[in-house]
Amino acid sequence: MPYGYYDQGDVAEDPQDDRYNGGPTIFDRRGPGEPSRSSQSDSSDHYQAESAPVLQQPDPATAPDQPETVLVFKDGHQVEVENYAIVGNTLYDLTDGRRRKIPLSELDVEATTKQNGDRGIDFELPSGS
């Protein structure tokens, strides 16, 4: 008995919309990239440019130097940090773009608060830490 045969070609190829640029990811620090110009008109670009305020970035050369925060550890050693964040029970040293985890349990919080207070720097733990 004859039967019909239908060739679908290479099934592994999945046709996708040429305008699809992929969705953003949570960890993409480079931004969305260059948007496709094929779907935008010049008039919409002009409108967006007029409606979006331009934020002036401070010149890093003229920004005053901030004093570094001193972290005093329970074993007595000290570390100076320029930028940090406290999340839960962890302090993240973000100086020079690095990310170093420091458990708050390793810090002598009382000595850290006192040393920074003597330098005119407020060092306070968030409530619940």
C-alpha atoms as a PDB file:
ATOM      1  CA  MET A   1       0.000   0.000   0.000  1.00  0.00           C
ATOM      2  CA  PRO A   2       1.558   3.377  -0.953  1.00  0.00           C
ATOM      3  CA  TYR A   3       1.798   6.051   1.677  1.00  0.00           C
ATOM      4  CA  GLY A   4       2.670   9.741   1.567  1.00  0.00           C
ATOM      5  CA  TYR A   5       5.992  11.068   2.763  1.00  0.00           C
ATOM      6  CA  TYR A   6       6.482  14.639   3.928  1.00  0.00           C
ATOM      7  CA  ASP A   7      10.046  15.947   4.396  1.00  0.00           C
ATOM      8  CA  GLN A   8      10.302  18.706   6.994  1.00  0.00           C
ATOM      9  CA  GLY A   9      13.959  19.346   6.259  1.00  0.00           C
ATOM     10  CA  ASP A  10      16.379  19.656   9.136  1.00  0.00           C
ATOM     11  CA  VAL A  11      14.213  19.546  12.255  1.00  0.00           C
ATOM     12  CA  ALA A  12      17.063  20.898  14.428  1.00  0.00           C
ATOM     13  CA  GLU A  13      16.752  24.295  12.753  1.00  0.00           C
ATOM     14  CA  ASP A  14      14.152  26.341  14.583  1.00  0.00           C
ATOM     15  CA  PRO A  15      13.131  29.440  12.657  1.00  0.00           C
ATOM     16  CA  GLN A  16      13.179  32.484  14.925  1.00  0.00           C
ATOM     17  CA  ASP A  17      12.145  36.070  14.472  1.00  0.00           C
ATOM     18  CA  ASP A  18      15.096  38.036  13.073  1.00  0.00           C
ATOM     19  CA  ARG A  19      14.233  40.953  15.362  1.00  0.00           C
ATOM     20  CA  TYR A  20      14.636  38.894  18.548  1.00  0.00           C
ATOM     21  CA  ASN A  21      17.696  40.178  20.440  1.00  0.00           C
ATOM     22  CA  GLY A  22      17.410  37.837  23.421  1.00  0.00           C
ATOM     23  CA  GLY A  23      16.161  38.751  26.855  1.00  0.00           C
ATOM     24  CA  PRO A  24      18.235  40.584  29.438  1.00  0.00           C
ATOM     25  CA  THR A  25      19.992  38.571  32.101  1.00  0.00           C
ATOM     26  CA  ILE A  26      20.312  39.450  35.741  1.00  0.00           C
ATOM     27  CA  PHE A  27      24.105  39.406  35.617  1.00  0.00           C
ATOM     28  CA  ASP A  28      24.562  41.427  32.404  1.00  0.00           C
ATOM     29  CA  ARG A  29      26.614  44.431  33.558  1.00  0.00           C
ATOM     30  CA  ARG A  30      27.302  45.651  30.044  1.00  0.00           C
ATOM     31  CA  GLY A  31      23.736  46.830  29.472  1.00  0.00           C
ATOM     32  CA  PRO A  32      21.364  45.832  26.703  1.00  0.00           C
ATOM     33  CA  GLY A  33      23.809  46.722  23.922  1.00  0.00           C
ATOM     34  CA  GLU A  34      23.074  48.499  20.658  1.00  0.00           C
ATOM     35  CA  PRO A  35      19.331  48.387  19.897  1.00  0.00           C
ATOM     36  CA  SER A  36      18.217  47.292  16.474  1.00  0.00           C
ATOM     37  CA  ARG A  37      17.547  50.279  14.198  1.00  0.00           C
ATOM     38  CA  SER A  38      15.279  48.364  11.817  1.00  0.00           C
ATOM     39  CA  SER A  39      12.196  48.658  14.021  1.00  0.00           C
ATOM     40  CA  GLN A  40      12.696  52.239  15.187  1.00  0.00           C
ATOM     41  CA  SER A  41      11.957  55.398  13.290  1.00  0.00           C
ATOM     42  CA  ASP A  42      13.985  58.582  13.455  1.00  0.00           C
ATOM     43  CA  SER A  43      11.010  60.482  14.870  1.00  0.00           C
ATOM     44  CA  SER A  44      10.766  58.168  17.885  1.00  0.00           C
ATOM     45  CA  ASP A  45      14.512  58.582  18.538  1.00  0.00           C
ATOM     46  CA  HIS A  46      14.086  62.368  18.426  1.00  0.00           C
ATOM     47  CA  TYR A  47      11.175  62.215  20.881  1.00  0.00           C
ATOM     48  CA  GLN A  48      13.097  59.989  23.302  1.00  0.00           C
ATOM     49  CA  ALA A  49      16.139  62.264  23.200  1.00  0.00           C
ATOM     50  CA  GLU A  50      14.028  65.310  24.099  1.00  0.00           C
ATOM     51  CA  SER A  51      12.085  63.616  26.902  1.00  0.00           C
ATOM     52  CA  ALA A  52      15.025  61.966  28.684  1.00  0.00           C
ATOM     53  CA  PRO A  53      16.944  64.345  30.977  1.00  0.00           C
ATOM     54  CA  VAL A  54      20.709  64.152  30.807  1.00  0.00           C
ATOM     55  CA  LEU A  55      22.321  63.470  34.166  1.00  0.00           C
ATOM     56  CA  GLN A  56      25.659  65.115  34.770  1.00  0.00           C
ATOM     57  CA  GLN A  57      28.270  62.808  36.234  1.00  0.00           C
ATOM     58  CA  PRO A  58      30.597  64.419  38.763  1.00  0.00           C
ATOM     59  CA  ASP A  59      34.172  64.704  37.613  1.00  0.00           C
ATOM     60  CA  PRO A  60      36.128  62.085  39.609  1.00  0.00           C
ATOM     61  CA  ALA A  61      39.171  64.372  39.659  1.00  0.00           C
ATOM     62  CA  THR A  62      37.216  67.072  41.530  1.00  0.00           C
ATOM     63  CA  ALA A  63      35.364  64.770  43.928  1.00  0.00           C
ATOM     64  CA  PRO A  64      36.727  65.109  47.451  1.00  0.00           C
ATOM     65  CA  ASP A  65      38.588  62.100  48.779  1.00  0.00           C
ATOM     66  CA  GLN A  66      36.533  60.208  51.308  1.00  0.00           C
ATOM     67  CA  PRO A  67      38.344  58.823  54.336  1.00  0.00           C
ATOM     68  CA  GLU A  68      38.674  55.069  54.401  1.00  0.00           C
ATOM     69  CA  THR A  69      36.705  53.024  56.905  1.00  0.00           C
ATOM     70  CA  VAL A  70      38.824  50.980  59.301  1.00  0.00           C
ATOM     71  CA  LEU A  71      37.710  47.433  60.045  1.00  0.00           C
ATOM     72  CA  VAL A  72      39.125  46.046  63.287  1.00  0.00           C
ATOM     73  CA  PHE A  73      39.124  42.265  63.506  1.00  0.00           C
ATOM     74  CA  LYS A  74      38.850  40.237  66.713  1.00  0.00           C
ATOM     75  CA  ASP A  75      42.430  38.999  66.261  1.00  0.00           C
ATOM     76  CA  GLY A  76      43.614  42.641  66.307  1.00  0.00           C
ATOM     77  CA  HIS A  77      44.550  43.208  62.675  1.00  0.00           C
ATOM     78  CA  GLN A  78      42.994  46.095  60.780  1.00  0.00           C
ATOM     79  CA  VAL A  79      41.940  46.640  57.174  1.00  0.00           C
ATOM     80  CA  GLU A  80      41.009  49.953  55.548  1.00  0.00           C
ATOM     81  CA  VAL A  81      38.210  49.860  52.963  1.00  0.00           C
ATOM     82  CA  GLU A  82      36.918  52.587  50.649  1.00  0.00           C
ATOM     83  CA  ASN A  83      33.604  51.002  49.671  1.00  0.00           C
ATOM     84  CA  TYR A  84      31.576  48.338  51.434  1.00  0.00           C
ATOM     85  CA  ALA A  85      28.067  46.981  51.836  1.00  0.00           C
ATOM     86  CA  ILE A  86      26.527  45.060  54.705  1.00  0.00           C
ATOM     87  CA  VAL A  87      23.984  42.393  53.808  1.00  0.00           C
ATOM     88  CA  GLY A  88      22.676  40.246  56.625  1.00  0.00           C
ATOM     89  CA  ASN A  89      25.635  39.046  58.679  1.00  0.00           C
ATOM     90  CA  THR A  90      28.235  39.692  55.961  1.00  0.00           C
ATOM     91  CA  LEU A  91      30.244  42.791  55.084  1.00  0.00           C
ATOM     92  CA  TYR A  92      31.260  42.950  51.420  1.00  0.00           C
ATOM     93  CA  ASP A  93      34.489  44.865  50.748  1.00  0.00           C
ATOM     94  CA  LEU A  94      33.882  46.445  47.328  1.00  0.00           C
ATOM     95  CA  THR A  95      37.114  48.474  47.186  1.00  0.00           C
ATOM     96  CA  ASP A  96      38.654  48.733  43.707  1.00  0.00           C
ATOM     97  CA  GLY A  97      35.852  46.673  42.162  1.00  0.00           C
ATOM     98  CA  ARG A  98      36.660  43.486  44.040  1.00  0.00           C
ATOM     99  CA  ARG A  99      34.134  41.671  46.210  1.00  0.00           C
ATOM    100  CA  ARG A 100      35.519  40.158  49.396  1.00  0.00           C
ATOM    101  CA  LYS A 101      33.183  38.621  51.975  1.00  0.00           C
ATOM    102  CA  ILE A 102      33.888  39.346  55.627  1.00  0.00           C
ATOM    103  CA  PRO A 103      31.594  37.724  58.208  1.00  0.00           C
ATOM    104  CA  LEU A 104      30.559  40.303  60.816  1.00  0.00           C
ATOM    105  CA  SER A 105      31.355  37.700  63.476  1.00  0.00           C
ATOM    106  CA  GLU A 106      35.072  38.177  62.649  1.00  0.00           C
ATOM    107  CA  LEU A 107      34.945  41.924  63.376  1.00  0.00           C
ATOM    108  CA  ASP A 108      35.400  43.628  66.729  1.00  0.00           C
ATOM    109  CA  VAL A 109      32.385  45.866  66.120  1.00  0.00           C
ATOM    110  CA  GLU A 110      32.930  48.001  69.228  1.00  0.00           C
ATOM    111  CA  ALA A 111      36.578  48.743  68.321  1.00  0.00           C
ATOM    112  CA  THR A 112      35.639  49.332  64.663  1.00  0.00           C
ATOM    113  CA  THR A 113      32.926  51.820  65.669  1.00  0.00           C
ATOM    114  CA  LYS A 114      35.278  53.628  68.078  1.00  0.00           C
ATOM    115  CA  GLN A 115      38.214  53.887  65.639  1.00  0.00           C
ATOM    116  CA  ASN A 116      35.998  55.214  62.873  1.00  0.00           C
ATOM    117  CA  GLY A 117      34.254  57.628  65.258  1.00  0.00           C
ATOM    118  CA  ASP A 118      37.678  59.033  66.219  1.00  0.00           C
ATOM    119  CA  ARG A 119      38.266  59.695  62.497  1.00  0.00           C
ATOM    120  CA  GLY A 120      34.871  61.356  62.019  1.00  0.00           C
ATOM    121  CA  ILE A 121      33.355  58.387  60.181  1.00  0.00           C
ATOM    122  CA  ASP A 122      30.013  56.873  61.165  1.00  0.00           C
ATOM    123  CA  PHE A 123      30.154  53.074  61.215  1.00  0.00           C
ATOM    124  CA  GLU A 124      26.828  51.548  62.163  1.00  0.00           C
ATOM    125  CA  LEU A 125      25.449  48.089  61.582  1.00  0.00           C
ATOM    126  CA  PRO A 126      21.940  47.914  60.139  1.00  0.00           C
ATOM    127  CA  SER A 127      19.279  46.736  62.562  1.00  0.00           C
ATOM    128  CA  GLY A 128      18.987  42.965  62.578  1.00  0.00           C
ATOM    129  CA  SER A 129      22.684  42.346  61.815  1.00  0.00           C
END
